[in-house]
Amino acid sequence: MMMPDAAYDQADPDAQRRALQVLVLAQRTADEHVASAQHQAENIKAGARASAEQAAREAQAHADGVRREAAQALNEARAQAEQIVREAQGYAESTRRDADKVLTDARAAAQEIGKEAQANADRLDREAQQRYDDVVGSLASKRDVLQQQIDGLQQFDRDYRNRLRAFMERQLRALGSDEPPPVTEIPQPAVATAGAGLVGGVPDGAMTAG
């Protein structure tokens, strides 16, 4: 049968010393384990902190890179937009100049066409006036010729009537006397053509009564 601890301790001082040594060693081992655990925890925390700081630095660097790339892209986009605006303005100016030139050329062409049309109208008007004057002059000349013919025919009519009257009177006087009437030609009417067959106002072939 085993003895109680108190009795054993009192009975064996060496056992007490060894137990104390074991206790001290256990305490030391526990302290070492705790210190090692704390050290490992500190290392882990330090590593985690370092990793976090590294990750933060990398994230910050990445963010800075993204920010720089975005700023560069924005600057390039602005430059391209400004270039497009300048090109558009240049194209608009060129188009405006071309339009102004086309308009100026069109106005000049219209003025030239208007001048030519006016010149042609004036020429046609002069030609029409000249033709009118020619026609009127020709009609006036023909009217004068016709008037002369009318005057000649009227004179012929008067002369013919006078000669016919004289012929009839001679025939009547001859009928009232015992002498035979003289043999004479009875005047015959003649047709006078325009401007021809009039000699001194008397048609050719008309008889001359004595």
N, C-alpha and C. Protein backbone atom coordinates (compact mmCIF):
# COMPACT_ATOMS: atom_id res chain seq x y z
N MET A 1 0.85 -1.16 0.00
CA MET A 1 0.00 0.00 0.00
C MET A 1 0.89 1.21 0.00
N MET A 2 0.48 2.30 -0.96
CA MET A 2 1.31 3.49 -1.08
C MET A 2 1.06 4.40 0.10
N MET A 3 2.10 5.19 0.38
CA MET A 3 2.01 6.12 1.49
C MET A 3 1.43 7.43 1.00
N PRO A 4 0.79 8.23 1.90
CA PRO A 4 0.31 9.55 1.48
C PRO A 4 1.46 10.44 1.09
N ASP A 5 1.07 11.56 0.23
CA ASP A 5 2.13 12.44 -0.29
C ASP A 5 2.82 13.17 0.84
N ALA A 6 2.06 13.66 1.80
CA ALA A 6 2.71 14.40 2.90
C ALA A 6 3.66 13.53 3.64
N ALA A 7 3.21 12.38 3.83
CA ALA A 7 4.09 11.48 4.52
C ALA A 7 5.27 11.14 3.67
N TYR A 8 5.03 11.00 2.37
CA TYR A 8 6.12 10.67 1.46
C TYR A 8 7.10 11.81 1.39
N ASP A 9 6.55 13.06 1.30
CA ASP A 9 7.43 14.21 1.21
C ASP A 9 8.26 14.35 2.50
N GLN A 10 7.56 14.16 3.57
CA GLN A 10 8.30 14.28 4.82
C GLN A 10 9.30 13.14 4.95
N ALA A 11 8.95 12.07 4.36
CA ALA A 11 9.82 10.93 4.50
C ALA A 11 11.01 11.01 3.59
N ASP A 12 10.84 11.77 2.37
CA ASP A 12 11.91 11.77 1.37
C ASP A 12 12.16 13.20 0.92
N PRO A 13 13.11 13.90 1.45
CA PRO A 13 13.40 15.27 1.03
C PRO A 13 13.89 15.32 -0.41
N ASP A 14 14.55 14.32 -0.84
CA ASP A 14 15.03 14.33 -2.22
C ASP A 14 13.86 14.31 -3.20
N ALA A 15 12.86 13.60 -2.81
CA ALA A 15 11.68 13.56 -3.68
C ALA A 15 11.06 14.93 -3.78
N GLN A 16 11.05 15.63 -2.66
CA GLN A 16 10.50 16.98 -2.69
C GLN A 16 11.33 17.88 -3.61
N ARG A 17 12.62 17.70 -3.48
CA ARG A 17 13.50 18.54 -4.30
C ARG A 17 13.29 18.22 -5.77
N ARG A 18 13.18 16.95 -6.06
CA ARG A 18 12.97 16.57 -7.44
C ARG A 18 11.61 17.04 -7.94
N ALA A 19 10.63 16.99 -7.10
CA ALA A 19 9.31 17.45 -7.48
C ALA A 19 9.33 18.95 -7.74
N LEU A 20 10.08 19.65 -6.86
CA LEU A 20 10.19 21.11 -7.07
C LEU A 20 10.91 21.39 -8.37
N GLN A 21 11.95 20.60 -8.61
CA GLN A 21 12.68 20.80 -9.87
C GLN A 21 11.76 20.53 -11.06
N VAL A 22 10.96 19.47 -10.93
CA VAL A 22 10.03 19.16 -12.03
C VAL A 22 9.04 20.30 -12.21
N LEU A 23 8.58 20.80 -11.06
CA LEU A 23 7.61 21.91 -11.14
C LEU A 23 8.24 23.14 -11.76
N VAL A 24 9.44 23.41 -11.34
CA VAL A 24 10.14 24.58 -11.91
C VAL A 24 10.38 24.38 -13.39
N LEU A 25 10.79 23.16 -13.72
CA LEU A 25 11.02 22.87 -15.14
C LEU A 25 9.73 22.98 -15.94
N ALA A 26 8.66 22.49 -15.35
CA ALA A 26 7.38 22.58 -16.06
C ALA A 26 6.96 24.03 -16.23
N GLN A 27 7.20 24.80 -15.15
CA GLN A 27 6.86 26.21 -15.25
C GLN A 27 7.71 26.90 -16.30
N ARG A 28 8.98 26.53 -16.31
CA ARG A 28 9.89 27.13 -17.29
C ARG A 28 9.48 26.70 -18.69
N THR A 29 9.16 25.43 -18.81
CA THR A 29 8.75 24.95 -20.15
C THR A 29 7.47 25.65 -20.59
N ALA A 30 6.56 25.81 -19.64
CA ALA A 30 5.31 26.50 -19.98
C ALA A 30 5.59 27.96 -20.38
N ASP A 31 6.51 28.56 -19.55
CA ASP A 31 6.85 29.95 -19.89
C ASP A 31 7.52 30.03 -21.26
N GLU A 32 8.37 29.03 -21.52
CA GLU A 32 9.04 29.02 -22.84
C GLU A 32 8.02 28.81 -23.95
N HIS A 33 7.08 27.88 -23.70
CA HIS A 33 6.04 27.67 -24.72
C HIS A 33 5.20 28.94 -24.92
N VAL A 34 4.88 29.56 -23.80
CA VAL A 34 4.09 30.79 -23.90
C VAL A 34 4.89 31.87 -24.63
N ALA A 35 6.18 31.99 -24.23
CA ALA A 35 7.03 33.00 -24.88
C ALA A 35 7.18 32.68 -26.36
N SER A 36 7.36 31.34 -26.68
CA SER A 36 7.48 30.96 -28.09
C SER A 36 6.18 31.25 -28.84
N ALA A 37 5.09 30.94 -28.16
CA ALA A 37 3.80 31.21 -28.81
C ALA A 37 3.61 32.71 -29.02
N GLN A 38 3.98 33.48 -27.97
CA GLN A 38 3.88 34.93 -28.12
C GLN A 38 4.81 35.42 -29.23
N HIS A 39 6.04 34.83 -29.25
CA HIS A 39 6.98 35.23 -30.28
C HIS A 39 6.46 34.88 -31.67
N GLN A 40 5.91 33.66 -31.75
CA GLN A 40 5.34 33.26 -33.04
C GLN A 40 4.14 34.16 -33.40
N ALA A 41 3.35 34.46 -32.36
CA ALA A 41 2.22 35.35 -32.62
C ALA A 41 2.69 36.72 -33.07
N GLU A 42 3.77 37.21 -32.38
CA GLU A 42 4.31 38.49 -32.81
C GLU A 42 4.86 38.40 -34.22
N ASN A 43 5.55 37.28 -34.49
CA ASN A 43 6.05 37.10 -35.86
C ASN A 43 4.92 37.05 -36.88
N ILE A 44 3.89 36.30 -36.50
CA ILE A 44 2.74 36.21 -37.41
C ILE A 44 2.10 37.58 -37.61
N LYS A 45 1.95 38.30 -36.46
CA LYS A 45 1.36 39.63 -36.55
C LYS A 45 2.25 40.55 -37.38
N ALA A 46 3.57 40.45 -37.10
CA ALA A 46 4.50 41.28 -37.88
C ALA A 46 4.44 40.91 -39.35
N GLY A 47 4.41 39.57 -39.62
CA GLY A 47 4.32 39.15 -41.02
C GLY A 47 3.03 39.60 -41.65
N ALA A 48 1.94 39.44 -40.87
CA ALA A 48 0.64 39.87 -41.40
C ALA A 48 0.64 41.37 -41.63
N ARG A 49 1.25 42.08 -40.62
CA ARG A 49 1.30 43.54 -40.80
C ARG A 49 2.16 43.92 -42.00
N ALA A 50 3.30 43.21 -42.11
CA ALA A 50 4.16 43.49 -43.27
C ALA A 50 3.46 43.14 -44.57
N SER A 51 2.77 41.98 -44.55
CA SER A 51 2.04 41.59 -45.76
C SER A 51 0.94 42.60 -46.07
N ALA A 52 0.26 43.03 -44.98
CA ALA A 52 -0.81 44.01 -45.19
C ALA A 52 -0.24 45.32 -45.72
N GLU A 53 0.91 45.72 -45.08
CA GLU A 53 1.52 46.96 -45.56
C GLU A 53 2.01 46.80 -47.00
N GLN A 54 2.58 45.64 -47.30
CA GLN A 54 3.03 45.38 -48.68
C GLN A 54 1.84 45.38 -49.64
N ALA A 55 0.77 44.70 -49.18
CA ALA A 55 -0.43 44.69 -50.03
C ALA A 55 -0.99 46.10 -50.20
N ALA A 56 -0.94 46.87 -49.08
CA ALA A 56 -1.43 48.25 -49.17
C ALA A 56 -0.55 49.07 -50.11
N ARG A 57 0.81 48.87 -49.96
CA ARG A 57 1.72 49.60 -50.86
C ARG A 57 1.50 49.18 -52.30
N GLU A 58 1.34 47.86 -52.50
CA GLU A 58 1.09 47.40 -53.88
C GLU A 58 -0.25 47.93 -54.40
N ALA A 59 -1.27 47.89 -53.50
CA ALA A 59 -2.57 48.42 -53.93
C ALA A 59 -2.47 49.91 -54.22
N GLN A 60 -1.71 50.63 -53.36
CA GLN A 60 -1.54 52.07 -53.59
C GLN A 60 -0.77 52.32 -54.89
N ALA A 61 0.27 51.49 -55.09
CA ALA A 61 1.04 51.62 -56.33
C ALA A 61 0.17 51.31 -57.54
N HIS A 62 -0.62 50.23 -57.40
CA HIS A 62 -1.52 49.89 -58.50
C HIS A 62 -2.54 51.00 -58.74
N ALA A 63 -3.08 51.53 -57.61
CA ALA A 63 -4.04 52.62 -57.75
C ALA A 63 -3.39 53.84 -58.38
N ASP A 64 -2.13 54.13 -57.92
CA ASP A 64 -1.42 55.26 -58.53
C ASP A 64 -1.17 55.00 -60.01
N GLY A 65 -0.81 53.75 -60.35
CA GLY A 65 -0.60 53.43 -61.76
C GLY A 65 -1.88 53.57 -62.57
N VAL A 66 -2.97 53.05 -61.97
CA VAL A 66 -4.26 53.17 -62.66
C VAL A 66 -4.64 54.64 -62.80
N ARG A 67 -4.35 55.41 -61.71
CA ARG A 67 -4.68 56.83 -61.76
C ARG A 67 -3.84 57.54 -62.82
N ARG A 68 -2.54 57.18 -62.87
CA ARG A 68 -1.70 57.79 -63.90
C ARG A 68 -2.15 57.39 -65.31
N GLU A 69 -2.49 56.10 -65.47
CA GLU A 69 -2.97 55.65 -66.77
C GLU A 69 -4.28 56.34 -67.15
N ALA A 70 -5.15 56.49 -66.14
CA ALA A 70 -6.41 57.17 -66.41
C ALA A 70 -6.17 58.62 -66.78
N ALA A 71 -5.25 59.28 -66.03
CA ALA A 71 -4.94 60.67 -66.34
C ALA A 71 -4.32 60.79 -67.73
N GLN A 72 -3.42 59.82 -68.06
CA GLN A 72 -2.81 59.84 -69.39
C GLN A 72 -3.86 59.61 -70.48
N ALA A 73 -4.75 58.63 -70.21
CA ALA A 73 -5.81 58.37 -71.18
C ALA A 73 -6.72 59.58 -71.32
N LEU A 74 -7.01 60.25 -70.18
CA LEU A 74 -7.84 61.45 -70.23
C LEU A 74 -7.15 62.55 -71.01
N ASN A 75 -5.84 62.72 -70.76
CA ASN A 75 -5.09 63.74 -71.49
C ASN A 75 -5.05 63.42 -72.98
N GLU A 76 -4.83 62.13 -73.30
CA GLU A 76 -4.84 61.73 -74.72
C GLU A 76 -6.21 61.96 -75.34
N ALA A 77 -7.27 61.61 -74.57
CA ALA A 77 -8.62 61.83 -75.09
C ALA A 77 -8.89 63.32 -75.30
N ARG A 78 -8.42 64.14 -74.35
CA ARG A 78 -8.60 65.59 -74.51
C ARG A 78 -7.81 66.10 -75.72
N ALA A 79 -6.57 65.59 -75.85
CA ALA A 79 -5.77 66.01 -77.00
C ALA A 79 -6.43 65.60 -78.31
N GLN A 80 -6.93 64.36 -78.36
CA GLN A 80 -7.62 63.90 -79.56
C GLN A 80 -8.88 64.73 -79.82
N ALA A 81 -9.61 65.02 -78.73
CA ALA A 81 -10.82 65.83 -78.90
C ALA A 81 -10.47 67.22 -79.42
N GLU A 82 -9.40 67.82 -78.84
CA GLU A 82 -8.98 69.14 -79.31
C GLU A 82 -8.51 69.07 -80.76
N GLN A 83 -7.79 67.98 -81.11
CA GLN A 83 -7.36 67.81 -82.50
C GLN A 83 -8.56 67.67 -83.43
N ILE A 84 -9.55 66.87 -82.98
CA ILE A 84 -10.77 66.71 -83.79
C ILE A 84 -11.49 68.04 -83.95
N VAL A 85 -11.54 68.82 -82.85
CA VAL A 85 -12.20 70.12 -82.91
C VAL A 85 -11.47 71.04 -83.88
N ARG A 86 -10.11 71.03 -83.78
CA ARG A 86 -9.33 71.87 -84.70
C ARG A 86 -9.54 71.43 -86.15
N GLU A 87 -9.51 70.12 -86.37
CA GLU A 87 -9.73 69.63 -87.73
C GLU A 87 -11.14 69.97 -88.22
N ALA A 88 -12.12 69.82 -87.31
CA ALA A 88 -13.49 70.17 -87.70
C ALA A 88 -13.61 71.65 -88.01
N GLN A 89 -12.96 72.48 -87.20
CA GLN A 89 -13.00 73.91 -87.46
C GLN A 89 -12.30 74.24 -88.78
N GLY A 90 -11.15 73.57 -89.00
CA GLY A 90 -10.46 73.78 -90.28
C GLY A 90 -11.32 73.34 -91.46
N TYR A 91 -11.96 72.18 -91.31
CA TYR A 91 -12.84 71.70 -92.38
C TYR A 91 -14.01 72.64 -92.59
N ALA A 92 -14.55 73.15 -91.46
CA ALA A 92 -15.67 74.09 -91.58
C ALA A 92 -15.22 75.37 -92.28
N GLU A 93 -14.03 75.87 -91.91
CA GLU A 93 -13.52 77.07 -92.57
C GLU A 93 -13.28 76.81 -94.05
N SER A 94 -12.68 75.64 -94.35
CA SER A 94 -12.45 75.30 -95.76
C SER A 94 -13.76 75.19 -96.52
N THR A 95 -14.74 74.53 -95.89
CA THR A 95 -16.05 74.40 -96.52
C THR A 95 -16.70 75.77 -96.71
N ARG A 96 -16.55 76.64 -95.70
CA ARG A 96 -17.13 77.98 -95.82
C ARG A 96 -16.45 78.77 -96.95
N ARG A 97 -15.11 78.63 -97.03
CA ARG A 97 -14.40 79.32 -98.12
C ARG A 97 -14.83 78.78 -99.48
N ASP A 98 -14.94 77.43 -99.56
CA ASP A 98 -15.40 76.84 -100.84
C ASP A 98 -16.81 77.32 -101.18
N ALA A 99 -17.67 77.35 -100.16
CA ALA A 99 -19.05 77.80 -100.41
C ALA A 99 -19.06 79.26 -100.85
N ASP A 100 -18.24 80.09 -100.19
CA ASP A 100 -18.18 81.50 -100.60
C ASP A 100 -17.65 81.64 -102.02
N LYS A 101 -16.64 80.82 -102.36
CA LYS A 101 -16.10 80.88 -103.72
C LYS A 101 -17.15 80.44 -104.75
N VAL A 102 -17.84 79.34 -104.42
CA VAL A 102 -18.89 78.86 -105.33
C VAL A 102 -19.97 79.93 -105.48
N LEU A 103 -20.35 80.56 -104.36
CA LEU A 103 -21.37 81.60 -104.43
C LEU A 103 -20.89 82.78 -105.24
N THR A 104 -19.63 83.18 -105.02
CA THR A 104 -19.08 84.29 -105.79
C THR A 104 -19.03 83.96 -107.28
N ASP A 105 -18.54 82.74 -107.59
CA ASP A 105 -18.49 82.32 -109.00
C ASP A 105 -19.90 82.28 -109.60
N ALA A 106 -20.86 81.78 -108.81
CA ALA A 106 -22.24 81.72 -109.32
C ALA A 106 -22.79 83.11 -109.58
N ARG A 107 -22.50 84.04 -108.66
CA ARG A 107 -22.97 85.41 -108.86
C ARG A 107 -22.31 86.03 -110.08
N ALA A 108 -21.00 85.81 -110.23
CA ALA A 108 -20.29 86.34 -111.39
C ALA A 108 -20.86 85.75 -112.68
N ALA A 109 -21.09 84.41 -112.65
CA ALA A 109 -21.65 83.76 -113.84
C ALA A 109 -23.05 84.30 -114.13
N ALA A 110 -23.84 84.51 -113.06
CA ALA A 110 -25.19 85.04 -113.25
C ALA A 110 -25.14 86.45 -113.84
N GLN A 111 -24.20 87.27 -113.33
CA GLN A 111 -24.06 88.61 -113.88
C GLN A 111 -23.63 88.57 -115.33
N GLU A 112 -22.67 87.65 -115.63
CA GLU A 112 -22.22 87.53 -117.02
C GLU A 112 -23.36 87.07 -117.93
N ILE A 113 -24.12 86.07 -117.43
CA ILE A 113 -25.27 85.60 -118.21
C ILE A 113 -26.29 86.72 -118.39
N GLY A 114 -26.49 87.49 -117.31
CA GLY A 114 -27.42 88.61 -117.41
C GLY A 114 -26.96 89.65 -118.43
N LYS A 115 -25.63 89.93 -118.42
CA LYS A 115 -25.10 90.89 -119.40
C LYS A 115 -25.28 90.36 -120.82
N GLU A 116 -24.94 89.05 -121.00
CA GLU A 116 -25.11 88.47 -122.33
C GLU A 116 -26.57 88.47 -122.76
N ALA A 117 -27.46 88.13 -121.81
CA ALA A 117 -28.88 88.13 -122.14
C ALA A 117 -29.36 89.54 -122.49
N GLN A 118 -28.88 90.53 -121.73
CA GLN A 118 -29.26 91.92 -122.03
C GLN A 118 -28.72 92.35 -123.38
N ALA A 119 -27.45 91.93 -123.65
CA ALA A 119 -26.86 92.27 -124.95
C ALA A 119 -27.65 91.62 -126.09
N ASN A 120 -28.01 90.33 -125.89
CA ASN A 120 -28.80 89.65 -126.92
C ASN A 120 -30.16 90.30 -127.08
N ALA A 121 -30.77 90.68 -125.95
CA ALA A 121 -32.07 91.34 -126.02
C ALA A 121 -31.96 92.67 -126.76
N ASP A 122 -30.89 93.43 -126.44
CA ASP A 122 -30.70 94.71 -127.14
C ASP A 122 -30.46 94.48 -128.63
N ARG A 123 -29.67 93.44 -128.95
CA ARG A 123 -29.40 93.15 -130.36
C ARG A 123 -30.70 92.74 -131.07
N LEU A 124 -31.47 91.86 -130.43
CA LEU A 124 -32.75 91.46 -131.03
C LEU A 124 -33.69 92.64 -131.16
N ASP A 125 -33.66 93.52 -130.17
CA ASP A 125 -34.51 94.71 -130.25
C ASP A 125 -34.09 95.60 -131.41
N ARG A 126 -32.75 95.77 -131.58
CA ARG A 126 -32.27 96.58 -132.70
C ARG A 126 -32.63 95.94 -134.04
N GLU A 127 -32.44 94.57 -134.09
CA GLU A 127 -32.80 93.89 -135.33
C GLU A 127 -34.29 94.00 -135.62
N ALA A 128 -35.11 93.85 -134.58
CA ALA A 128 -36.55 93.98 -134.78
C ALA A 128 -36.92 95.39 -135.21
N GLN A 129 -36.27 96.38 -134.59
CA GLN A 129 -36.54 97.76 -134.99
C GLN A 129 -36.10 98.02 -136.42
N GLN A 130 -34.92 97.41 -136.77
CA GLN A 130 -34.44 97.58 -138.14
C GLN A 130 -35.40 96.93 -139.14
N ARG A 131 -35.87 95.72 -138.79
CA ARG A 131 -36.84 95.06 -139.67
C ARG A 131 -38.13 95.85 -139.75
N TYR A 132 -38.55 96.37 -138.62
CA TYR A 132 -39.77 97.19 -138.63
C TYR A 132 -39.58 98.41 -139.52
N ASP A 133 -38.41 99.05 -139.35
CA ASP A 133 -38.15 100.23 -140.18
C ASP A 133 -38.08 99.85 -141.66
N ASP A 134 -37.43 98.68 -141.93
CA ASP A 134 -37.35 98.23 -143.33
C ASP A 134 -38.75 97.96 -143.90
N VAL A 135 -39.56 97.24 -143.08
CA VAL A 135 -40.91 96.92 -143.54
C VAL A 135 -41.73 98.19 -143.73
N VAL A 136 -41.65 99.09 -142.74
CA VAL A 136 -42.40 100.34 -142.85
C VAL A 136 -41.91 101.15 -144.04
N GLY A 137 -40.56 101.20 -144.20
CA GLY A 137 -40.02 101.93 -145.36
C GLY A 137 -40.46 101.31 -146.66
N SER A 138 -40.43 99.94 -146.71
CA SER A 138 -40.87 99.25 -147.92
C SER A 138 -42.35 99.52 -148.19
N LEU A 139 -43.15 99.47 -147.10
CA LEU A 139 -44.57 99.76 -147.28
C LEU A 139 -44.80 101.19 -147.74
N ALA A 140 -44.00 102.11 -147.19
CA ALA A 140 -44.13 103.51 -147.61
C ALA A 140 -43.77 103.66 -149.08
N SER A 141 -42.67 102.95 -149.48
CA SER A 141 -42.27 103.02 -150.89
C SER A 141 -43.36 102.42 -151.79
N LYS A 142 -43.90 101.24 -151.36
CA LYS A 142 -44.96 100.63 -152.15
C LYS A 142 -46.21 101.52 -152.16
N ARG A 143 -46.48 102.17 -151.03
CA ARG A 143 -47.64 103.06 -151.00
C ARG A 143 -47.46 104.21 -151.98
N ASP A 144 -46.22 104.73 -152.03
CA ASP A 144 -45.97 105.82 -152.99
C ASP A 144 -46.17 105.34 -154.42
N VAL A 145 -45.65 104.11 -154.70
CA VAL A 145 -45.82 103.58 -156.06
C VAL A 145 -47.29 103.38 -156.38
N LEU A 146 -48.05 102.80 -155.40
CA LEU A 146 -49.48 102.58 -155.61
C LEU A 146 -50.22 103.91 -155.78
N GLN A 147 -49.79 104.90 -154.99
CA GLN A 147 -50.45 106.21 -155.12
C GLN A 147 -50.20 106.80 -156.50
N GLN A 148 -48.96 106.60 -156.99
CA GLN A 148 -48.67 107.07 -158.34
C GLN A 148 -49.52 106.34 -159.38
N GLN A 149 -49.65 105.01 -159.18
CA GLN A 149 -50.48 104.25 -160.10
C GLN A 149 -51.95 104.70 -160.03
N ILE A 150 -52.42 104.94 -158.79
CA ILE A 150 -53.81 105.41 -158.66
C ILE A 150 -53.99 106.76 -159.35
N ASP A 151 -53.01 107.66 -159.14
CA ASP A 151 -53.09 108.97 -159.80
C ASP A 151 -53.08 108.81 -161.31
N GLY A 152 -52.21 107.88 -161.82
CA GLY A 152 -52.15 107.66 -163.26
C GLY A 152 -53.47 107.11 -163.80
N LEU A 153 -54.09 106.15 -163.03
CA LEU A 153 -55.35 105.57 -163.47
C LEU A 153 -56.47 106.62 -163.45
N GLN A 154 -56.45 107.46 -162.39
CA GLN A 154 -57.46 108.52 -162.35
C GLN A 154 -57.29 109.48 -163.54
N GLN A 155 -56.03 109.79 -163.83
CA GLN A 155 -55.79 110.68 -164.98
C GLN A 155 -56.20 110.00 -166.28
N PHE A 156 -55.89 108.69 -166.38
CA PHE A 156 -56.31 107.94 -167.56
C PHE A 156 -57.84 107.93 -167.69
N ASP A 157 -58.53 107.75 -166.55
CA ASP A 157 -59.98 107.74 -166.58
C ASP A 157 -60.55 109.07 -167.07
N ARG A 158 -59.96 110.14 -166.56
CA ARG A 158 -60.44 111.45 -167.01
C ARG A 158 -60.18 111.66 -168.49
N ASP A 159 -58.95 111.31 -168.91
CA ASP A 159 -58.65 111.47 -170.33
C ASP A 159 -59.54 110.59 -171.21
N TYR A 160 -59.76 109.37 -170.77
CA TYR A 160 -60.57 108.45 -171.54
C TYR A 160 -62.01 108.95 -171.65
N ARG A 161 -62.54 109.45 -170.54
CA ARG A 161 -63.90 109.98 -170.57
C ARG A 161 -63.99 111.19 -171.51
N ASN A 162 -62.97 112.06 -171.41
CA ASN A 162 -63.00 113.24 -172.28
C ASN A 162 -62.92 112.84 -173.75
N ARG A 163 -62.09 111.91 -174.09
CA ARG A 163 -61.97 111.47 -175.47
C ARG A 163 -63.23 110.77 -175.95
N LEU A 164 -63.82 109.95 -175.03
CA LEU A 164 -65.05 109.28 -175.40
C LEU A 164 -66.18 110.28 -175.62
N ARG A 165 -66.21 111.30 -174.77
CA ARG A 165 -67.22 112.33 -174.93
C ARG A 165 -67.02 113.08 -176.26
N ALA A 166 -65.77 113.41 -176.55
CA ALA A 166 -65.50 114.10 -177.81
C ALA A 166 -65.87 113.22 -179.00
N PHE A 167 -65.60 111.93 -178.94
CA PHE A 167 -65.96 111.01 -180.01
C PHE A 167 -67.47 110.96 -180.19
N MET A 168 -68.21 110.86 -179.10
CA MET A 168 -69.66 110.80 -179.20
C MET A 168 -70.21 112.10 -179.78
N GLU A 169 -69.63 113.22 -179.36
CA GLU A 169 -70.12 114.50 -179.88
C GLU A 169 -69.87 114.60 -181.39
N ARG A 170 -68.74 114.13 -181.85
CA ARG A 170 -68.48 114.16 -183.29
C ARG A 170 -69.44 113.25 -184.04
N GLN A 171 -69.74 112.11 -183.44
CA GLN A 171 -70.67 111.20 -184.09
C GLN A 171 -72.07 111.82 -184.16
N LEU A 172 -72.48 112.52 -183.11
CA LEU A 172 -73.80 113.15 -183.11
C LEU A 172 -73.85 114.30 -184.13
N ARG A 173 -72.78 115.08 -184.23
CA ARG A 173 -72.77 116.15 -185.21
C ARG A 173 -72.82 115.59 -186.63
N ALA A 174 -72.12 114.46 -186.78
CA ALA A 174 -72.14 113.85 -188.12
C ALA A 174 -73.52 113.31 -188.46
N LEU A 175 -74.25 112.80 -187.50
CA LEU A 175 -75.59 112.31 -187.75
C LEU A 175 -76.55 113.45 -188.08
N GLY A 176 -76.30 114.66 -187.60
CA GLY A 176 -77.18 115.80 -187.89
C GLY A 176 -76.88 116.48 -189.19
N SER A 177 -75.86 116.07 -189.93
CA SER A 177 -75.51 116.67 -191.22
C SER A 177 -75.62 115.62 -192.31
N ASP A 178 -75.51 116.09 -193.54
CA ASP A 178 -75.61 115.15 -194.66
C ASP A 178 -74.31 114.44 -194.94
N GLU A 179 -73.26 114.93 -194.37
CA GLU A 179 -71.95 114.29 -194.61
C GLU A 179 -71.84 113.03 -193.77
N PRO A 180 -71.22 112.02 -194.37
CA PRO A 180 -71.01 110.78 -193.61
C PRO A 180 -70.02 111.05 -192.45
N PRO A 181 -70.23 110.37 -191.38
CA PRO A 181 -69.30 110.59 -190.24
C PRO A 181 -67.90 110.11 -190.59
N PRO A 182 -66.92 110.81 -190.05
CA PRO A 182 -65.53 110.39 -190.33
C PRO A 182 -65.28 109.00 -189.71
N VAL A 183 -64.43 108.31 -190.42
CA VAL A 183 -64.07 106.97 -189.93
C VAL A 183 -63.00 107.12 -188.85
N THR A 184 -63.35 106.82 -187.68
CA THR A 184 -62.41 106.89 -186.54
C THR A 184 -62.54 105.62 -185.71
N GLU A 185 -61.55 105.40 -184.95
CA GLU A 185 -61.56 104.25 -184.05
C GLU A 185 -62.24 104.61 -182.74
N ILE A 186 -63.07 103.72 -182.32
CA ILE A 186 -63.71 103.94 -181.02
C ILE A 186 -62.69 103.61 -179.93
N PRO A 187 -62.45 104.51 -179.01
CA PRO A 187 -61.46 104.22 -177.95
C PRO A 187 -61.90 103.03 -177.12
N GLN A 188 -60.98 102.14 -176.93
CA GLN A 188 -61.23 100.95 -176.11
C GLN A 188 -60.51 101.10 -174.76
N PRO A 189 -61.17 100.67 -173.73
CA PRO A 189 -60.48 100.76 -172.42
C PRO A 189 -59.30 99.81 -172.37
N ALA A 190 -58.28 100.22 -171.70
CA ALA A 190 -57.06 99.40 -171.52
C ALA A 190 -56.81 99.19 -170.02
N VAL A 191 -56.29 98.01 -169.72
CA VAL A 191 -55.98 97.68 -168.32
C VAL A 191 -54.55 98.08 -168.05
N ALA A 192 -54.35 98.99 -167.11
CA ALA A 192 -53.00 99.46 -166.78
C ALA A 192 -52.44 98.60 -165.65
N THR A 193 -51.24 98.09 -165.88
CA THR A 193 -50.57 97.30 -164.84
C THR A 193 -49.83 98.23 -163.90
N ALA A 194 -49.49 97.68 -162.72
CA ALA A 194 -48.85 98.50 -161.69
C ALA A 194 -47.48 98.91 -162.15
N GLY A 195 -47.31 100.23 -162.36
CA GLY A 195 -46.01 100.78 -162.72
C GLY A 195 -45.62 100.54 -164.15
N ALA A 196 -46.50 100.00 -165.00
CA ALA A 196 -46.14 99.73 -166.39
C ALA A 196 -47.31 100.12 -167.28
N GLY A 197 -47.04 100.46 -168.54
CA GLY A 197 -48.08 100.78 -169.51
C GLY A 197 -48.59 102.18 -169.39
N LEU A 198 -47.96 103.02 -168.54
CA LEU A 198 -48.39 104.41 -168.41
C LEU A 198 -47.35 105.29 -169.07
N VAL A 199 -47.78 106.01 -170.05
CA VAL A 199 -46.91 106.97 -170.74
C VAL A 199 -47.59 108.32 -170.64
N GLY A 200 -47.06 109.13 -169.77
CA GLY A 200 -47.68 110.44 -169.58
C GLY A 200 -49.07 110.32 -169.03
N GLY A 201 -49.37 109.22 -168.27
CA GLY A 201 -50.68 109.06 -167.65
C GLY A 201 -51.68 108.40 -168.56
N VAL A 202 -51.29 107.94 -169.81
CA VAL A 202 -52.21 107.32 -170.74
C VAL A 202 -51.69 105.93 -171.06
N PRO A 203 -52.51 104.88 -171.00
CA PRO A 203 -52.06 103.53 -171.30
C PRO A 203 -51.60 103.41 -172.74
N ASP A 204 -50.63 102.48 -172.95
CA ASP A 204 -50.18 102.20 -174.32
C ASP A 204 -51.34 101.60 -175.11
N GLY A 205 -51.44 101.93 -176.36
CA GLY A 205 -52.46 101.35 -177.22
C GLY A 205 -53.74 102.12 -177.22
N ALA A 206 -53.86 103.13 -176.32
CA ALA A 206 -55.09 103.95 -176.33
C ALA A 206 -55.08 104.81 -177.55
N MET A 207 -56.26 104.97 -178.20
CA MET A 207 -56.33 105.76 -179.42
C MET A 207 -56.26 107.24 -179.11
N THR A 208 -55.81 108.00 -180.04
CA THR A 208 -55.78 109.45 -179.89
C THR A 208 -56.88 109.98 -180.76
N ALA A 209 -57.86 110.62 -180.19
CA ALA A 209 -58.98 111.18 -180.93
C ALA A 209 -58.62 112.54 -181.42
N GLY A 210 -59.09 112.96 -182.70
CA GLY A 210 -58.78 114.24 -183.25
C GLY A 210 -59.65 115.32 -182.66
